C-alpha atoms as a PDB file:
ATOM      1  CA  MET A   1     -13.897 -48.072 115.283  1.00  0.00           C
ATOM      2  CA  ARG A   2     -15.888 -51.154 113.603  1.00  0.00           C
ATOM      3  CA  LEU A   3     -17.226 -48.407 111.034  1.00  0.00           C
ATOM      4  CA  PHE A   4     -13.943 -46.816 110.520  1.00  0.00           C
ATOM      5  CA  LYS A   5     -12.195 -50.088 109.560  1.00  0.00           C
ATOM      6  CA  TYR A   6     -14.827 -51.134 107.163  1.00  0.00           C
ATOM      7  CA  LEU A   7     -14.814 -47.681 105.618  1.00  0.00           C
ATOM      8  CA  TRP A   8     -11.150 -47.821 105.354  1.00  0.00           C
ATOM      9  CA  PHE A   9     -11.114 -51.225 103.977  1.00  0.00           C
ATOM     10  CA  HIS A  10     -13.214 -50.149 101.228  1.00  0.00           C
ATOM     11  CA  LEU A  11     -11.542 -46.814 100.453  1.00  0.00           C
ATOM     12  CA  VAL A  12      -8.166 -48.576  99.797  1.00  0.00           C
ATOM     13  CA  MET A  13      -9.960 -51.469  97.927  1.00  0.00           C
ATOM     14  CA  SER A  14     -11.523 -48.687  95.836  1.00  0.00           C
ATOM     15  CA  ALA A  15      -8.648 -46.442  95.283  1.00  0.00           C
ATOM     16  CA  THR A  16      -6.363 -49.283  94.400  1.00  0.00           C
ATOM     17  CA  GLY A  17      -8.665 -51.966  92.474  1.00  0.00           C
ATOM     18  CA  TRP A  18      -7.489 -50.504  89.047  1.00  0.00           C
ATOM     19  CA  LEU A  19      -3.908 -51.427  89.658  1.00  0.00           C
ATOM     20  CA  PRO A  20      -2.400 -54.602  88.339  1.00  0.00           C
ATOM     21  CA  ASP A  21      -1.536 -57.101  90.792  1.00  0.00           C
ATOM     22  CA  LEU A  22       1.823 -57.020  90.462  1.00  0.00           C
ATOM     23  CA  ARG A  23       4.259 -57.629  93.685  1.00  0.00           C
ATOM     24  CA  PRO A  24       4.624 -54.413  94.538  1.00  0.00           C
ATOM     25  CA  VAL A  25       1.266 -53.326  94.271  1.00  0.00           C
ATOM     26  CA  LEU A  26      -0.035 -56.214  96.547  1.00  0.00           C
ATOM     27  CA  ARG A  27       2.439 -55.252  99.446  1.00  0.00           C
ATOM     28  CA  ALA A  28       1.161 -51.660  99.410  1.00  0.00           C
ATOM     29  CA  ARG A  29      -2.170 -52.453  99.123  1.00  0.00           C
ATOM     30  CA  GLY A  30      -1.568 -55.010 102.340  1.00  0.00           C
ATOM     31  CA  PHE A  31       0.222 -52.296 104.118  1.00  0.00           C
ATOM     32  CA  LEU A  32      -2.388 -49.643 103.421  1.00  0.00           C
ATOM     33  CA  LEU A  33      -5.058 -52.430 104.663  1.00  0.00           C
ATOM     34  CA  ARG A  34      -3.350 -53.158 108.042  1.00  0.00           C
ATOM     35  CA  PRO A  35      -5.620 -50.662 109.931  1.00  0.00           C
ATOM     36  CA  SER A  36      -8.568 -52.451 109.054  1.00  0.00           C
ATOM     37  CA  PHE A  37      -7.812 -55.569 110.743  1.00  0.00           C
ATOM     38  CA  LYS A  38      -7.922 -56.711 114.496  1.00  0.00           C
ATOM     39  CA  THR A  39      -3.837 -57.424 114.242  1.00  0.00           C
ATOM     40  CA  CYS A  40      -1.780 -57.641 111.140  1.00  0.00           C
ATOM     41  CA  GLY A  41       1.663 -58.818 110.657  1.00  0.00           C
ATOM     42  CA  ARG A  42       4.026 -57.433 108.145  1.00  0.00           C
ATOM     43  CA  ASN A  43       4.216 -58.263 104.590  1.00  0.00           C
ATOM     44  CA  LEU A  44       0.360 -58.577 103.533  1.00  0.00           C
ATOM     45  CA  GLN A  45      -0.269 -58.924 100.017  1.00  0.00           C
ATOM     46  CA  VAL A  46      -3.763 -58.520  98.909  1.00  0.00           C
ATOM     47  CA  ALA A  47      -5.089 -58.708  95.137  1.00  0.00           C
ATOM     48  CA  ARG A  48      -8.032 -56.836  93.621  1.00  0.00           C
ATOM     49  CA  ARG A  49     -11.454 -57.475  94.152  1.00  0.00           C
ATOM     50  CA  VAL A  50     -11.048 -58.954  97.563  1.00  0.00           C
ATOM     51  CA  THR A  51     -14.154 -58.701  99.746  1.00  0.00           C
ATOM     52  CA  ILE A  52     -14.128 -59.012 103.514  1.00  0.00           C
ATOM     53  CA  ASN A  53     -16.909 -58.592 105.851  1.00  0.00           C
ATOM     54  CA  PHE A  54     -16.336 -57.526 109.674  1.00  0.00           C
ATOM     55  CA  SER A  55     -12.598 -57.318 108.854  1.00  0.00           C
ATOM     56  CA  ASN A  56     -12.316 -56.020 112.381  1.00  0.00           C
ATOM     57  CA  ARG A  57     -12.301 -59.371 113.535  1.00  0.00           C
ATOM     58  CA  MET A  58      -9.557 -61.024 111.508  1.00  0.00           C
ATOM     59  CA  GLU A  59      -6.095 -61.620 112.906  1.00  0.00           C
ATOM     60  CA  ILE A  60      -3.384 -61.602 110.117  1.00  0.00           C
ATOM     61  CA  GLY A  61       0.447 -63.033 110.710  1.00  0.00           C
ATOM     62  CA  ARG A  62       3.499 -62.340 108.596  1.00  0.00           C
ATOM     63  CA  ASP A  63       3.768 -63.120 105.023  1.00  0.00           C
ATOM     64  CA  VAL A  64       0.092 -63.633 104.323  1.00  0.00           C
ATOM     65  CA  TYR A  65      -1.316 -63.481 100.559  1.00  0.00           C
ATOM     66  CA  ILE A  66      -4.762 -62.954  99.811  1.00  0.00           C
ATOM     67  CA  GLY A  67      -6.115 -63.925  96.045  1.00  0.00           C
ATOM     68  CA  THR A  68      -7.996 -62.239  93.540  1.00  0.00           C
ATOM     69  CA  GLY A  69     -11.626 -62.417  94.163  1.00  0.00           C
ATOM     70  CA  CYS A  70     -11.565 -64.041  97.766  1.00  0.00           C
ATOM     71  CA  TRP A  71     -14.517 -63.359  99.792  1.00  0.00           C
ATOM     72  CA  LEU A  72     -14.088 -63.761 103.710  1.00  0.00           C
ATOM     73  CA  HIS A  73     -16.854 -63.322 105.848  1.00  0.00           C
ATOM     74  CA  ALA A  74     -15.116 -63.022 109.744  1.00  0.00           C
ATOM     75  CA  ARG A  75     -18.296 -62.012 112.112  1.00  0.00           C
ATOM     76  CA  GLY A  76     -17.414 -65.379 113.770  1.00  0.00           C
ATOM     77  CA  GLY A  77     -13.383 -64.335 113.627  1.00  0.00           C
ATOM     78  CA  ILE A  78     -11.100 -65.491 111.285  1.00  0.00           C
ATOM     79  CA  THR A  79      -7.249 -65.924 112.368  1.00  0.00           C
ATOM     80  CA  LEU A  80      -4.290 -66.502 109.460  1.00  0.00           C
ATOM     81  CA  GLU A  81      -1.201 -67.340 110.809  1.00  0.00           C
ATOM     82  CA  ASP A  82       2.258 -66.591 109.225  1.00  0.00           C
ATOM     83  CA  GLU A  83       2.728 -67.412 105.517  1.00  0.00           C
ATOM     84  CA  VAL A  84      -0.796 -68.548 104.797  1.00  0.00           C
ATOM     85  CA  GLN A  85      -2.092 -68.258 101.208  1.00  0.00           C
ATOM     86  CA  LEU A  86      -5.334 -67.874  99.752  1.00  0.00           C
ATOM     87  CA  GLY A  87      -6.022 -68.600  96.124  1.00  0.00           C
ATOM     88  CA  PRO A  88      -8.089 -66.832  93.880  1.00  0.00           C
ATOM     89  CA  TYR A  89     -11.756 -66.889  94.444  1.00  0.00           C
ATOM     90  CA  ALA A  90     -11.421 -68.877  98.016  1.00  0.00           C
ATOM     91  CA  VAL A  91     -14.402 -68.461 100.310  1.00  0.00           C
ATOM     92  CA  LEU A  92     -14.036 -68.356 104.181  1.00  0.00           C
ATOM     93  CA  VAL A  93     -17.389 -68.081 105.811  1.00  0.00           C
ATOM     94  CA  THR A  94     -17.685 -67.891 109.552  1.00  0.00           C
ATOM     95  CA  GLY A  95     -21.311 -68.623 110.209  1.00  0.00           C
ATOM     96  CA  ASP A  96     -24.650 -70.143 108.683  1.00  0.00           C
ATOM     97  CA  HIS A  97     -28.314 -69.889 109.025  1.00  0.00           C
ATOM     98  CA  THR A  98     -30.745 -72.029 110.779  1.00  0.00           C
ATOM     99  CA  ARG A  99     -34.304 -72.716 109.483  1.00  0.00           C
ATOM    100  CA  VAL A 100     -37.098 -71.360 111.319  1.00  0.00           C
ATOM    101  CA  HIS A 101     -40.863 -72.088 110.283  1.00  0.00           C
ATOM    102  CA  GLY A 102     -39.438 -73.739 107.308  1.00  0.00           C
ATOM    103  CA  SER A 103     -37.060 -70.880 106.065  1.00  0.00           C
ATOM    104  CA  TYR A 104     -33.362 -70.291 106.361  1.00  0.00           C
ATOM    105  CA  ARG A 105     -34.138 -66.476 105.298  1.00  0.00           C
ATOM    106  CA  TYR A 106     -34.607 -65.400 109.051  1.00  0.00           C
ATOM    107  CA  GLY A 107     -33.269 -68.192 110.902  1.00  0.00           C
ATOM    108  CA  PRO A 108     -30.518 -67.167 113.684  1.00  0.00           C
ATOM    109  CA  ARG A 109     -27.051 -67.485 112.650  1.00  0.00           C
ATOM    110  CA  LYS A 110     -24.659 -69.803 114.064  1.00  0.00           C
ATOM    111  CA  LEU A 111     -20.913 -68.650 114.448  1.00  0.00           C
ATOM    112  CA  ALA A 112     -17.825 -70.442 114.974  1.00  0.00           C
ATOM    113  CA  PRO A 113     -13.925 -68.810 114.083  1.00  0.00           C
ATOM    114  CA  ILE A 114     -11.859 -69.825 111.516  1.00  0.00           C
ATOM    115  CA  ARG A 115      -8.247 -70.744 111.698  1.00  0.00           C
ATOM    116  CA  LEU A 116      -5.524 -71.163 109.130  1.00  0.00           C
ATOM    117  CA  ARG A 117      -2.353 -72.284 110.652  1.00  0.00           C
ATOM    118  CA  ARG A 118       1.265 -71.701 109.413  1.00  0.00           C
ATOM    119  CA  GLY A 119       1.925 -71.923 105.874  1.00  0.00           C
ATOM    120  CA  SER A 120      -1.215 -73.482 105.206  1.00  0.00           C
ATOM    121  CA  TRP A 121      -2.814 -73.019 101.521  1.00  0.00           C
ATOM    122  CA  VAL A 122      -6.568 -72.923 100.563  1.00  0.00           C
ATOM    123  CA  SER A 123      -6.231 -73.324  96.720  1.00  0.00           C
ATOM    124  CA  ALA A 124      -8.555 -71.786  94.094  1.00  0.00           C
ATOM    125  CA  HIS A 125     -12.381 -71.734  94.434  1.00  0.00           C
ATOM    126  CA  ALA A 126     -12.175 -73.958  97.748  1.00  0.00           C
ATOM    127  CA  THR A 127     -14.505 -73.107 100.682  1.00  0.00           C
ATOM    128  CA  VAL A 128     -13.735 -73.373 104.328  1.00  0.00           C
ATOM    129  CA  THR A 129     -16.768 -73.211 106.966  1.00  0.00           C
ATOM    130  CA  LYS A 130     -17.505 -72.544 110.462  1.00  0.00           C
ATOM    131  CA  GLY A 131     -15.286 -73.811 113.086  1.00  0.00           C
ATOM    132  CA  VAL A 132     -12.826 -75.556 110.988  1.00  0.00           C
ATOM    133  CA  THR A 133      -8.883 -75.205 111.616  1.00  0.00           C
ATOM    134  CA  VAL A 134      -6.707 -76.205 108.807  1.00  0.00           C
ATOM    135  CA  GLY A 135      -3.594 -77.444 110.564  1.00  0.00           C
ATOM    136  CA  CYS A 136       0.099 -76.255 109.606  1.00  0.00           C
ATOM    137  CA  GLY A 137       1.280 -76.798 106.312  1.00  0.00           C
ATOM    138  CA  ALA A 138      -1.816 -78.154 105.135  1.00  0.00           C
ATOM    139  CA  LEU A 139      -3.578 -77.922 102.059  1.00  0.00           C
ATOM    140  CA  ILE A 140      -7.103 -77.718 100.569  1.00  0.00           C
ATOM    141  CA  ALA A 141      -7.503 -78.638  97.039  1.00  0.00           C
ATOM    142  CA  ALA A 142      -8.956 -76.337  94.536  1.00  0.00           C
ATOM    143  CA  ASN A 143     -12.763 -76.531  94.052  1.00  0.00           C
ATOM    144  CA  SER A 144     -13.104 -78.264  97.760  1.00  0.00           C
ATOM    145  CA  LEU A 145     -15.406 -77.772 100.816  1.00  0.00           C
ATOM    146  CA  ALA A 146     -13.510 -78.075 104.097  1.00  0.00           C
ATOM    147  CA  MET A 147     -16.152 -78.333 106.770  1.00  0.00           C
ATOM    148  CA  ARG A 148     -14.213 -80.420 109.495  1.00  0.00           C
ATOM    149  CA  ASN A 149     -10.714 -79.693 110.921  1.00  0.00           C
ATOM    150  CA  VAL A 150      -7.772 -80.803 108.244  1.00  0.00           C
ATOM    151  CA  PRO A 151      -4.392 -82.198 110.236  1.00  0.00           C
ATOM    152  CA  GLU A 152      -0.960 -80.450 109.423  1.00  0.00           C
ATOM    153  CA  PHE A 153       0.652 -81.252 106.521  1.00  0.00           C
ATOM    154  CA  ALA A 154      -2.136 -82.814 104.961  1.00  0.00           C
ATOM    155  CA  VAL A 155      -3.833 -82.400 101.283  1.00  0.00           C
ATOM    156  CA  ALA A 156      -7.639 -82.494 101.461  1.00  0.00           C
ATOM    157  CA  GLY A 157      -9.735 -82.300  98.433  1.00  0.00           C
ATOM    158  CA  GLY A 158     -13.278 -82.812  97.415  1.00  0.00           C
ATOM    159  CA  VAL A 159     -17.164 -82.414  98.302  1.00  0.00           C
ATOM    160  CA  PRO A 160     -17.119 -82.554 101.185  1.00  0.00           C
ATOM    161  CA  ALA A 161     -13.185 -82.333 101.573  1.00  0.00           C
ATOM    162  CA  ARG A 162     -11.363 -85.830 102.772  1.00  0.00           C
ATOM    163  CA  ILE A 163      -7.781 -86.426 103.201  1.00  0.00           C
ATOM    164  CA  ILE A 164      -5.912 -87.356 100.046  1.00  0.00           C
ATOM    165  CA  LEU A 165      -2.491 -87.219 101.557  1.00  0.00           C
ATOM    166  CA  GLN A 166      -1.260 -87.363 104.834  1.00  0.00           C
ATOM    167  CA  GLU A 167       2.709 -86.831 105.395  1.00  0.00           C
ATOM    168  CA  SER A 168       4.287 -86.243 108.689  1.00  0.00           C
ATOM    169  CA  ARG A 169       6.562 -83.307 107.149  1.00  0.00           C
ATOM    170  CA  MET A 170       5.843 -81.856 103.602  1.00  0.00           C
ATOM    171  CA  ASP A 171       9.197 -80.144 103.403  1.00  0.00           C
ATOM    172  CA  VAL A 172      10.385 -82.406 100.586  1.00  0.00           C
ATOM    173  CA  VAL A 173      10.131 -80.327  97.134  1.00  0.00           C
ATOM    174  CA  ALA A 174       9.661 -82.720  94.357  1.00  0.00           C
END
């Protein structure tokens, strides 16, 4: 089953990769990709050049957007709750290597799941590492590295990401 999901993902991405990233195409690509995931809600939108390893270990909610060039390594499990958006070239990686005999090349992997809660946003070129939960309505700023949990309605940025702004609710439109 895992092989089928993997092959289906790559077949759909190859067949639709030449199409422009217009809303109807994003929605059609997301609809076609639904069987590739462990679970997937309605209105998934996926842009071109997205790479997902171990898509069968991903749970995706409703109204999720995955931007151009995103790279997701889901071996440890990734959950994208409702209304999550990933900006262009965002990276989510659920594992890392350990060093053995002075080399990382063959060290055993450490895996931990990533969870992006409802309405969160990982901006362009930002990275989220293993074991991190990004709270509801939280934002990881562009070019940041989230190595620790981010509370709900917070804005985190930098390398490593630190809380820049914390609100009790961020429903206010400026």
